[in-house]
Amino acid sequence: VNLQHKEEEVKTQRSESSEKPKEKEKSQFEELRSLKMGIRFILMVNKQGQTRLAQYYEWLTLEERRALEGEIVRKCLARNDQQCSFVEHRNYKIVYRRYASLFFMVGVDDDENELAILEFIHLLVETMDKHFGNVCELDIMFHLEKAHFMLEEMVMNGCIVETSKANILSPIQLMDKAH
């Protein structure tokens, strides 16, 4: 009896879904949009304001990305060392930190923990330091694919998924050995 009841439920769901495919697609899309990502983008920028690495976890057109990067970079580079490392811009909270000649900027949702993001930035720099040996702008420029690979190992769909330096670097080390 239970099996027949389940089969009837599935048939009615199928018939309802075939009658209203647009509504179902729309509701699934809205459901996906409502999921929180946390990290929206990560930028590495030099002191002159040139973007050396950009990774986005939400879709923006190239024009929107250029405009957003320009606004954020101008805003963050104009701040002095005595000001805090958090800036609100549009619907983002920007958490940034300067290491030598590079600024690491992370755009997050309003409800994200700023201190956790500062720790993430520090972990990213330490991981790059461990691989490159005191990471600098040239390391990012000449090994951009490795920098992106490290980010991809650490962040997936805007969520931090790996914090172990050894786990982040092991695939890169394996690729280096293969070459």
N, C-alpha and C. Protein backbone atom coordinates (compact mmCIF):
# COMPACT_ATOMS: atom_id res chain seq x y z
N VAL A 1 0.84 -1.20 0.00
CA VAL A 1 0.00 0.00 0.00
C VAL A 1 0.87 1.25 0.00
N ASN A 2 1.94 1.24 0.82
CA ASN A 2 2.86 2.37 0.87
C ASN A 2 3.49 2.64 -0.49
N LEU A 3 3.88 1.57 -1.19
CA LEU A 3 4.52 1.71 -2.49
C LEU A 3 3.56 2.32 -3.51
N GLN A 4 2.30 1.88 -3.50
CA GLN A 4 1.32 2.44 -4.42
C GLN A 4 1.10 3.92 -4.12
N HIS A 5 1.05 4.26 -2.84
CA HIS A 5 0.85 5.66 -2.44
C HIS A 5 2.01 6.53 -2.93
N LYS A 6 3.24 6.03 -2.79
CA LYS A 6 4.43 6.76 -3.25
C LYS A 6 4.39 6.96 -4.76
N GLU A 7 4.00 5.89 -5.50
CA GLU A 7 3.93 5.98 -6.96
C GLU A 7 2.92 7.04 -7.39
N GLU A 8 1.77 7.08 -6.70
CA GLU A 8 0.75 8.09 -7.02
C GLU A 8 1.28 9.50 -6.76
N GLU A 9 2.02 9.67 -5.65
CA GLU A 9 2.60 10.98 -5.34
C GLU A 9 3.57 11.42 -6.42
N VAL A 10 4.41 10.50 -6.88
CA VAL A 10 5.38 10.81 -7.93
C VAL A 10 4.67 11.19 -9.21
N LYS A 11 3.61 10.45 -9.58
CA LYS A 11 2.85 10.76 -10.80
C LYS A 11 2.22 12.14 -10.71
N THR A 12 1.63 12.47 -9.57
CA THR A 12 1.01 13.80 -9.44
C THR A 12 2.07 14.90 -9.47
N GLN A 13 3.22 14.64 -8.86
CA GLN A 13 4.30 15.64 -8.91
C GLN A 13 4.77 15.84 -10.34
N ARG A 14 4.89 14.75 -11.10
CA ARG A 14 5.32 14.85 -12.50
C ARG A 14 4.31 15.64 -13.32
N SER A 15 3.03 15.34 -13.12
CA SER A 15 2.01 16.04 -13.90
C SER A 15 1.97 17.52 -13.52
N GLU A 16 2.12 17.82 -12.23
CA GLU A 16 2.15 19.22 -11.79
C GLU A 16 3.37 19.94 -12.35
N SER A 17 4.51 19.25 -12.35
CA SER A 17 5.73 19.88 -12.83
C SER A 17 5.68 20.08 -14.34
N SER A 18 5.04 19.18 -15.09
CA SER A 18 4.95 19.37 -16.54
C SER A 18 3.97 20.48 -16.88
N GLU A 19 2.97 20.71 -16.01
CA GLU A 19 2.02 21.79 -16.26
C GLU A 19 2.65 23.15 -16.01
N LYS A 20 3.55 23.24 -15.04
CA LYS A 20 4.11 24.53 -14.65
C LYS A 20 5.64 24.49 -14.62
N PRO A 21 6.29 24.21 -15.74
CA PRO A 21 7.75 24.12 -15.71
C PRO A 21 8.41 25.46 -15.44
N LYS A 22 7.84 26.53 -15.97
CA LYS A 22 8.44 27.85 -15.78
C LYS A 22 8.42 28.24 -14.30
N GLU A 23 7.29 27.99 -13.64
CA GLU A 23 7.18 28.34 -12.22
C GLU A 23 8.17 27.54 -11.39
N LYS A 24 8.32 26.24 -11.72
CA LYS A 24 9.23 25.40 -10.96
C LYS A 24 10.67 25.85 -11.16
N GLU A 25 11.03 26.17 -12.43
CA GLU A 25 12.38 26.65 -12.71
C GLU A 25 12.65 27.94 -11.96
N LYS A 26 11.66 28.82 -11.95
CA LYS A 26 11.82 30.10 -11.27
C LYS A 26 12.02 29.89 -9.77
N SER A 27 11.22 28.99 -9.17
CA SER A 27 11.35 28.77 -7.73
C SER A 27 12.70 28.14 -7.39
N GLN A 28 13.21 27.25 -8.26
CA GLN A 28 14.52 26.66 -8.02
C GLN A 28 15.60 27.72 -8.13
N PHE A 29 15.45 28.61 -9.11
CA PHE A 29 16.42 29.70 -9.28
C PHE A 29 16.41 30.61 -8.06
N GLU A 30 15.22 30.99 -7.59
CA GLU A 30 15.12 31.84 -6.40
C GLU A 30 15.71 31.15 -5.18
N GLU A 31 15.50 29.83 -5.09
CA GLU A 31 16.04 29.07 -3.98
C GLU A 31 17.57 29.10 -4.01
N LEU A 32 18.15 28.94 -5.19
CA LEU A 32 19.61 28.99 -5.32
C LEU A 32 20.14 30.37 -5.00
N ARG A 33 19.44 31.41 -5.42
CA ARG A 33 19.89 32.77 -5.15
C ARG A 33 19.87 33.09 -3.66
N SER A 34 18.94 32.47 -2.94
CA SER A 34 18.82 32.77 -1.51
C SER A 34 19.93 32.13 -0.69
N LEU A 35 20.64 31.14 -1.26
CA LEU A 35 21.74 30.52 -0.53
C LEU A 35 22.86 31.53 -0.34
N LYS A 36 23.41 31.57 0.85
CA LYS A 36 24.48 32.52 1.16
C LYS A 36 25.82 31.93 0.75
N MET A 37 26.62 32.74 0.09
CA MET A 37 27.94 32.30 -0.34
C MET A 37 29.00 32.74 0.64
N GLY A 38 28.86 33.91 1.20
CA GLY A 38 29.90 34.43 2.08
C GLY A 38 30.86 35.29 1.29
N ILE A 39 31.86 34.67 0.68
CA ILE A 39 32.86 35.41 -0.10
C ILE A 39 32.30 35.62 -1.51
N ARG A 40 32.30 36.87 -1.96
CA ARG A 40 31.81 37.21 -3.30
C ARG A 40 32.95 37.37 -4.30
N PHE A 41 34.08 37.90 -3.83
CA PHE A 41 35.24 38.04 -4.71
C PHE A 41 36.50 38.23 -3.89
N ILE A 42 37.63 37.94 -4.54
CA ILE A 42 38.95 38.13 -3.93
C ILE A 42 39.80 38.88 -4.95
N LEU A 43 40.46 39.94 -4.51
CA LEU A 43 41.33 40.73 -5.38
C LEU A 43 42.70 40.84 -4.76
N MET A 44 43.72 40.78 -5.60
CA MET A 44 45.09 41.11 -5.19
C MET A 44 45.52 42.28 -6.06
N VAL A 45 45.88 43.38 -5.41
CA VAL A 45 46.14 44.63 -6.11
C VAL A 45 47.47 45.19 -5.61
N ASN A 46 48.26 45.79 -6.52
CA ASN A 46 49.51 46.41 -6.09
C ASN A 46 49.26 47.83 -5.59
N LYS A 47 50.30 48.49 -5.10
CA LYS A 47 50.17 49.83 -4.53
C LYS A 47 49.73 50.88 -5.55
N GLN A 48 49.97 50.61 -6.83
CA GLN A 48 49.56 51.53 -7.88
C GLN A 48 48.11 51.32 -8.30
N GLY A 49 47.46 50.32 -7.72
CA GLY A 49 46.05 50.06 -8.03
C GLY A 49 45.83 49.10 -9.18
N GLN A 50 46.88 48.42 -9.63
CA GLN A 50 46.74 47.45 -10.72
C GLN A 50 46.33 46.10 -10.15
N THR A 51 45.27 45.54 -10.69
CA THR A 51 44.80 44.24 -10.24
C THR A 51 45.72 43.16 -10.77
N ARG A 52 46.25 42.35 -9.87
CA ARG A 52 47.13 41.25 -10.26
C ARG A 52 46.42 39.91 -10.26
N LEU A 53 45.36 39.79 -9.46
CA LEU A 53 44.56 38.56 -9.44
C LEU A 53 43.14 38.95 -9.05
N ALA A 54 42.18 38.39 -9.73
CA ALA A 54 40.77 38.62 -9.40
C ALA A 54 40.04 37.29 -9.52
N GLN A 55 39.32 36.93 -8.49
CA GLN A 55 38.52 35.71 -8.49
C GLN A 55 37.13 36.07 -8.01
N TYR A 56 36.11 35.80 -8.83
CA TYR A 56 34.73 36.13 -8.48
C TYR A 56 33.93 34.86 -8.23
N TYR A 57 33.05 34.92 -7.25
CA TYR A 57 32.20 33.79 -6.92
C TYR A 57 30.73 34.11 -7.18
N GLU A 58 30.48 35.23 -7.86
CA GLU A 58 29.15 35.56 -8.35
C GLU A 58 29.33 36.14 -9.74
N TRP A 59 28.30 36.03 -10.56
CA TRP A 59 28.44 36.46 -11.94
C TRP A 59 28.29 37.97 -12.05
N LEU A 60 29.29 38.61 -12.65
CA LEU A 60 29.25 40.02 -12.99
C LEU A 60 29.82 40.17 -14.39
N THR A 61 29.30 41.13 -15.16
CA THR A 61 29.86 41.37 -16.49
C THR A 61 31.25 41.98 -16.33
N LEU A 62 32.02 41.96 -17.41
CA LEU A 62 33.37 42.55 -17.36
C LEU A 62 33.31 44.03 -17.01
N GLU A 63 32.33 44.74 -17.54
CA GLU A 63 32.20 46.17 -17.24
C GLU A 63 31.90 46.38 -15.76
N GLU A 64 31.00 45.55 -15.21
CA GLU A 64 30.68 45.64 -13.78
C GLU A 64 31.89 45.32 -12.93
N ARG A 65 32.67 44.33 -13.33
CA ARG A 65 33.87 43.96 -12.58
C ARG A 65 34.89 45.09 -12.60
N ARG A 66 35.11 45.68 -13.79
CA ARG A 66 36.07 46.78 -13.90
C ARG A 66 35.65 47.96 -13.03
N ALA A 67 34.38 48.31 -13.10
CA ALA A 67 33.88 49.45 -12.32
C ALA A 67 34.00 49.16 -10.82
N LEU A 68 33.58 47.96 -10.41
CA LEU A 68 33.64 47.59 -9.00
C LEU A 68 35.07 47.58 -8.50
N GLU A 69 35.98 46.98 -9.25
CA GLU A 69 37.39 46.94 -8.85
C GLU A 69 37.96 48.35 -8.73
N GLY A 70 37.66 49.20 -9.70
CA GLY A 70 38.17 50.57 -9.65
C GLY A 70 37.69 51.32 -8.42
N GLU A 71 36.41 51.21 -8.12
CA GLU A 71 35.84 51.89 -6.95
C GLU A 71 36.46 51.38 -5.65
N ILE A 72 36.54 50.06 -5.53
CA ILE A 72 37.06 49.45 -4.30
C ILE A 72 38.54 49.78 -4.11
N VAL A 73 39.30 49.66 -5.18
CA VAL A 73 40.74 49.92 -5.09
C VAL A 73 40.99 51.37 -4.69
N ARG A 74 40.29 52.30 -5.33
CA ARG A 74 40.46 53.72 -4.95
C ARG A 74 40.10 53.95 -3.48
N LYS A 75 39.02 53.32 -3.05
CA LYS A 75 38.56 53.51 -1.67
C LYS A 75 39.56 52.94 -0.67
N CYS A 76 40.06 51.74 -0.93
CA CYS A 76 40.96 51.08 0.02
C CYS A 76 42.36 51.70 0.02
N LEU A 77 42.87 52.05 -1.15
CA LEU A 77 44.22 52.62 -1.24
C LEU A 77 44.27 54.03 -0.66
N ALA A 78 43.14 54.72 -0.60
CA ALA A 78 43.11 56.08 -0.05
C ALA A 78 43.12 56.08 1.48
N ARG A 79 42.89 54.93 2.10
CA ARG A 79 42.85 54.85 3.56
C ARG A 79 44.26 54.74 4.13
N ASN A 80 44.43 55.25 5.35
CA ASN A 80 45.76 55.18 5.96
C ASN A 80 45.87 53.97 6.89
N ASP A 81 47.06 53.73 7.41
CA ASP A 81 47.31 52.54 8.24
C ASP A 81 46.58 52.57 9.58
N GLN A 82 46.18 53.76 10.03
CA GLN A 82 45.49 53.86 11.31
C GLN A 82 43.99 53.52 11.20
N GLN A 83 43.47 53.46 10.00
CA GLN A 83 42.06 53.14 9.82
C GLN A 83 41.87 51.62 9.79
N CYS A 84 40.66 51.19 10.16
CA CYS A 84 40.40 49.75 10.21
C CYS A 84 40.41 49.14 8.81
N SER A 85 40.45 47.85 8.74
CA SER A 85 40.57 47.13 7.47
C SER A 85 39.23 46.70 6.90
N PHE A 86 38.15 47.33 7.32
CA PHE A 86 36.82 46.98 6.85
C PHE A 86 36.19 48.21 6.22
N VAL A 87 35.62 48.05 5.04
CA VAL A 87 34.96 49.15 4.34
C VAL A 87 33.66 48.62 3.77
N GLU A 88 32.60 49.40 3.89
CA GLU A 88 31.35 49.02 3.25
C GLU A 88 31.28 49.70 1.90
N HIS A 89 30.91 48.93 0.89
CA HIS A 89 30.80 49.47 -0.47
C HIS A 89 29.66 48.75 -1.18
N ARG A 90 28.71 49.53 -1.67
CA ARG A 90 27.50 48.98 -2.29
C ARG A 90 26.87 47.98 -1.33
N ASN A 91 26.64 46.76 -1.82
CA ASN A 91 26.05 45.74 -0.95
C ASN A 91 27.11 44.76 -0.43
N TYR A 92 28.37 45.18 -0.43
CA TYR A 92 29.47 44.35 0.04
C TYR A 92 30.12 44.94 1.28
N LYS A 93 30.75 44.08 2.01
CA LYS A 93 31.68 44.49 3.06
C LYS A 93 33.05 44.08 2.54
N ILE A 94 33.96 45.03 2.45
CA ILE A 94 35.30 44.75 1.93
C ILE A 94 36.24 44.61 3.11
N VAL A 95 36.92 43.49 3.19
CA VAL A 95 37.94 43.24 4.21
C VAL A 95 39.26 43.19 3.46
N TYR A 96 40.20 44.03 3.86
CA TYR A 96 41.46 44.08 3.13
C TYR A 96 42.64 44.13 4.08
N ARG A 97 43.79 43.78 3.55
CA ARG A 97 45.02 43.83 4.32
C ARG A 97 46.19 44.00 3.37
N ARG A 98 47.15 44.80 3.77
CA ARG A 98 48.32 45.02 2.94
C ARG A 98 49.48 44.17 3.44
N TYR A 99 50.10 43.45 2.53
CA TYR A 99 51.32 42.70 2.80
C TYR A 99 52.35 43.18 1.80
N ALA A 100 53.40 43.84 2.27
CA ALA A 100 54.45 44.40 1.41
C ALA A 100 53.82 45.30 0.36
N SER A 101 53.98 44.97 -0.91
CA SER A 101 53.45 45.85 -1.97
C SER A 101 52.10 45.39 -2.48
N LEU A 102 51.50 44.35 -1.88
CA LEU A 102 50.22 43.83 -2.35
C LEU A 102 49.11 44.07 -1.34
N PHE A 103 47.95 44.46 -1.86
CA PHE A 103 46.73 44.54 -1.06
C PHE A 103 45.88 43.33 -1.39
N PHE A 104 45.43 42.63 -0.37
CA PHE A 104 44.53 41.50 -0.51
C PHE A 104 43.16 41.99 -0.09
N MET A 105 42.19 41.98 -1.02
CA MET A 105 40.85 42.50 -0.74
C MET A 105 39.83 41.39 -0.97
N VAL A 106 38.95 41.24 0.01
CA VAL A 106 37.93 40.21 -0.07
C VAL A 106 36.58 40.87 0.12
N GLY A 107 35.69 40.69 -0.85
CA GLY A 107 34.33 41.21 -0.75
C GLY A 107 33.42 40.13 -0.21
N VAL A 108 32.70 40.45 0.87
CA VAL A 108 31.85 39.46 1.53
C VAL A 108 30.46 40.02 1.76
N ASP A 109 29.55 39.16 2.17
CA ASP A 109 28.21 39.57 2.56
C ASP A 109 28.26 40.35 3.86
N ASP A 110 27.22 41.12 4.13
CA ASP A 110 27.17 41.94 5.34
C ASP A 110 27.24 41.13 6.62
N ASP A 111 26.72 39.92 6.61
CA ASP A 111 26.68 39.13 7.85
C ASP A 111 27.91 38.26 8.05
N GLU A 112 28.92 38.41 7.20
CA GLU A 112 30.14 37.62 7.33
C GLU A 112 31.03 38.19 8.44
N ASN A 113 31.77 37.33 9.11
CA ASN A 113 32.66 37.72 10.20
C ASN A 113 33.96 38.31 9.63
N GLU A 114 34.20 39.59 9.90
CA GLU A 114 35.37 40.28 9.34
C GLU A 114 36.68 39.70 9.85
N LEU A 115 36.72 39.34 11.12
CA LEU A 115 37.96 38.80 11.68
C LEU A 115 38.30 37.43 11.08
N ALA A 116 37.27 36.65 10.80
CA ALA A 116 37.51 35.35 10.15
C ALA A 116 38.07 35.57 8.74
N ILE A 117 37.61 36.59 8.06
CA ILE A 117 38.11 36.88 6.72
C ILE A 117 39.54 37.40 6.79
N LEU A 118 39.86 38.20 7.80
CA LEU A 118 41.25 38.63 7.98
C LEU A 118 42.16 37.42 8.21
N GLU A 119 41.68 36.45 8.99
CA GLU A 119 42.44 35.22 9.21
C GLU A 119 42.60 34.45 7.90
N PHE A 120 41.55 34.43 7.09
CA PHE A 120 41.63 33.77 5.79
C PHE A 120 42.69 34.43 4.91
N ILE A 121 42.70 35.77 4.89
CA ILE A 121 43.71 36.49 4.10
C ILE A 121 45.11 36.13 4.59
N HIS A 122 45.27 36.10 5.91
CA HIS A 122 46.58 35.75 6.48
C HIS A 122 46.99 34.33 6.10
N LEU A 123 46.04 33.40 6.15
CA LEU A 123 46.31 32.02 5.75
C LEU A 123 46.71 31.95 4.28
N LEU A 124 46.01 32.70 3.44
CA LEU A 124 46.34 32.73 2.01
C LEU A 124 47.77 33.22 1.80
N VAL A 125 48.14 34.29 2.49
CA VAL A 125 49.49 34.84 2.35
C VAL A 125 50.53 33.84 2.88
N GLU A 126 50.27 33.23 4.03
CA GLU A 126 51.19 32.24 4.57
C GLU A 126 51.36 31.05 3.63
N THR A 127 50.26 30.62 3.01
CA THR A 127 50.32 29.50 2.08
C THR A 127 51.16 29.87 0.86
N MET A 128 50.95 31.07 0.35
CA MET A 128 51.74 31.52 -0.80
C MET A 128 53.20 31.71 -0.41
N ASP A 129 53.43 32.21 0.79
CA ASP A 129 54.81 32.36 1.29
C ASP A 129 55.50 31.00 1.35
N LYS A 130 54.77 30.01 1.83
CA LYS A 130 55.35 28.67 1.96
C LYS A 130 55.73 28.10 0.59
N HIS A 131 54.91 28.37 -0.40
CA HIS A 131 55.19 27.83 -1.74
C HIS A 131 56.24 28.66 -2.49
N PHE A 132 56.06 29.98 -2.50
CA PHE A 132 56.95 30.84 -3.28
C PHE A 132 58.17 31.31 -2.49
N GLY A 133 58.10 31.26 -1.18
CA GLY A 133 59.19 31.80 -0.36
C GLY A 133 59.08 33.31 -0.33
N ASN A 134 58.36 33.86 0.62
CA ASN A 134 58.13 35.31 0.74
C ASN A 134 57.49 35.86 -0.55
N VAL A 135 56.21 35.58 -0.70
CA VAL A 135 55.48 35.92 -1.92
C VAL A 135 55.54 37.42 -2.22
N CYS A 136 55.68 37.74 -3.50
CA CYS A 136 55.68 39.14 -3.92
C CYS A 136 54.83 39.27 -5.18
N GLU A 137 54.69 40.49 -5.63
CA GLU A 137 53.87 40.77 -6.80
C GLU A 137 54.32 39.98 -8.03
N LEU A 138 55.61 39.85 -8.22
CA LEU A 138 56.14 39.12 -9.39
C LEU A 138 55.77 37.63 -9.35
N ASP A 139 55.74 37.05 -8.14
CA ASP A 139 55.32 35.64 -8.02
C ASP A 139 53.89 35.47 -8.53
N ILE A 140 53.02 36.40 -8.16
CA ILE A 140 51.63 36.34 -8.60
C ILE A 140 51.56 36.51 -10.12
N MET A 141 52.31 37.47 -10.64
CA MET A 141 52.27 37.74 -12.08
C MET A 141 52.80 36.58 -12.91
N PHE A 142 53.92 35.99 -12.49
CA PHE A 142 54.54 34.93 -13.28
C PHE A 142 53.98 33.54 -13.01
N HIS A 143 53.26 33.40 -11.91
CA HIS A 143 52.67 32.10 -11.56
C HIS A 143 51.19 32.27 -11.21
N LEU A 144 50.49 33.00 -12.07
CA LEU A 144 49.08 33.30 -11.83
C LEU A 144 48.23 32.05 -11.71
N GLU A 145 48.53 31.04 -12.53
CA GLU A 145 47.74 29.81 -12.49
C GLU A 145 47.90 29.11 -11.13
N LYS A 146 49.09 29.16 -10.54
CA LYS A 146 49.29 28.55 -9.22
C LYS A 146 48.55 29.33 -8.14
N ALA A 147 48.55 30.64 -8.24
CA ALA A 147 47.82 31.47 -7.27
C ALA A 147 46.33 31.16 -7.35
N HIS A 148 45.81 31.06 -8.56
CA HIS A 148 44.39 30.71 -8.72
C HIS A 148 44.12 29.30 -8.20
N PHE A 149 45.04 28.40 -8.45
CA PHE A 149 44.86 27.02 -8.00
C PHE A 149 44.80 26.98 -6.47
N MET A 150 45.66 27.75 -5.80
CA MET A 150 45.62 27.80 -4.34
C MET A 150 44.27 28.30 -3.86
N LEU A 151 43.78 29.36 -4.50
CA LEU A 151 42.47 29.89 -4.13
C LEU A 151 41.37 28.86 -4.36
N GLU A 152 41.45 28.15 -5.47
CA GLU A 152 40.45 27.13 -5.77
C GLU A 152 40.48 25.99 -4.77
N GLU A 153 41.66 25.68 -4.24
CA GLU A 153 41.76 24.65 -3.20
C GLU A 153 41.17 25.14 -1.88
N MET A 154 41.24 26.44 -1.64
CA MET A 154 40.80 27.01 -0.36
C MET A 154 39.32 27.40 -0.36
N VAL A 155 38.83 27.90 -1.48
CA VAL A 155 37.47 28.45 -1.54
C VAL A 155 36.71 27.79 -2.67
N MET A 156 35.51 27.34 -2.35
CA MET A 156 34.65 26.75 -3.36
C MET A 156 33.29 27.42 -3.28
N ASN A 157 32.85 28.01 -4.39
CA ASN A 157 31.56 28.67 -4.46
C ASN A 157 31.37 29.71 -3.36
N GLY A 158 32.45 30.40 -3.01
CA GLY A 158 32.37 31.46 -2.02
C GLY A 158 32.46 31.00 -0.58
N CYS A 159 32.69 29.73 -0.36
CA CYS A 159 32.81 29.19 1.00
C CYS A 159 34.22 28.64 1.20
N ILE A 160 34.79 28.93 2.35
CA ILE A 160 36.12 28.41 2.67
C ILE A 160 35.98 26.92 2.97
N VAL A 161 36.70 26.11 2.20
CA VAL A 161 36.57 24.65 2.35
C VAL A 161 37.86 23.98 2.82
N GLU A 162 38.99 24.68 2.74
CA GLU A 162 40.25 24.07 3.17
C GLU A 162 41.13 25.12 3.83
N THR A 163 41.67 24.76 5.01
CA THR A 163 42.55 25.68 5.74
C THR A 163 43.91 25.07 6.06
N SER A 164 44.13 23.85 5.65
CA SER A 164 45.41 23.20 5.90
C SER A 164 46.38 23.56 4.77
N LYS A 165 47.49 24.21 5.13
CA LYS A 165 48.48 24.59 4.12
C LYS A 165 49.00 23.36 3.38
N ALA A 166 49.24 22.29 4.09
CA ALA A 166 49.75 21.06 3.47
C ALA A 166 48.76 20.52 2.44
N ASN A 167 47.49 20.50 2.79
CA ASN A 167 46.47 20.00 1.86
C ASN A 167 46.30 20.92 0.66
N ILE A 168 46.46 22.21 0.86
CA ILE A 168 46.32 23.18 -0.23
C ILE A 168 47.49 23.04 -1.20
N LEU A 169 48.69 22.86 -0.66
CA LEU A 169 49.89 22.86 -1.49
C LEU A 169 50.23 21.50 -2.10
N SER A 170 49.73 20.40 -1.54
CA SER A 170 50.12 19.07 -2.04
C SER A 170 49.79 18.88 -3.53
N PRO A 171 48.62 19.26 -4.04
CA PRO A 171 48.40 19.08 -5.48
C PRO A 171 49.35 19.93 -6.34
N ILE A 172 49.68 21.12 -5.88
CA ILE A 172 50.60 21.99 -6.62
C ILE A 172 51.99 21.37 -6.63
N GLN A 173 52.40 20.82 -5.50
CA GLN A 173 53.71 20.17 -5.43
C GLN A 173 53.76 18.95 -6.34
N LEU A 174 52.66 18.20 -6.42
CA LEU A 174 52.60 17.06 -7.32
C LEU A 174 52.71 17.50 -8.78
N MET A 175 52.06 18.61 -9.12
CA MET A 175 52.16 19.13 -10.49
C MET A 175 53.59 19.59 -10.78
N ASP A 176 54.22 20.23 -9.80
CA ASP A 176 55.60 20.68 -9.99
C ASP A 176 56.53 19.50 -10.22
N LYS A 177 56.32 18.38 -9.50
CA LYS A 177 57.16 17.20 -9.66
C LYS A 177 56.96 16.57 -11.03
N ALA A 178 55.75 16.67 -11.56
CA ALA A 178 55.45 16.07 -12.85
C ALA A 178 56.14 16.81 -13.99
N HIS A 179 56.45 18.08 -13.79
CA HIS A 179 57.09 18.88 -14.86
C HIS A 179 58.55 18.78 -14.74
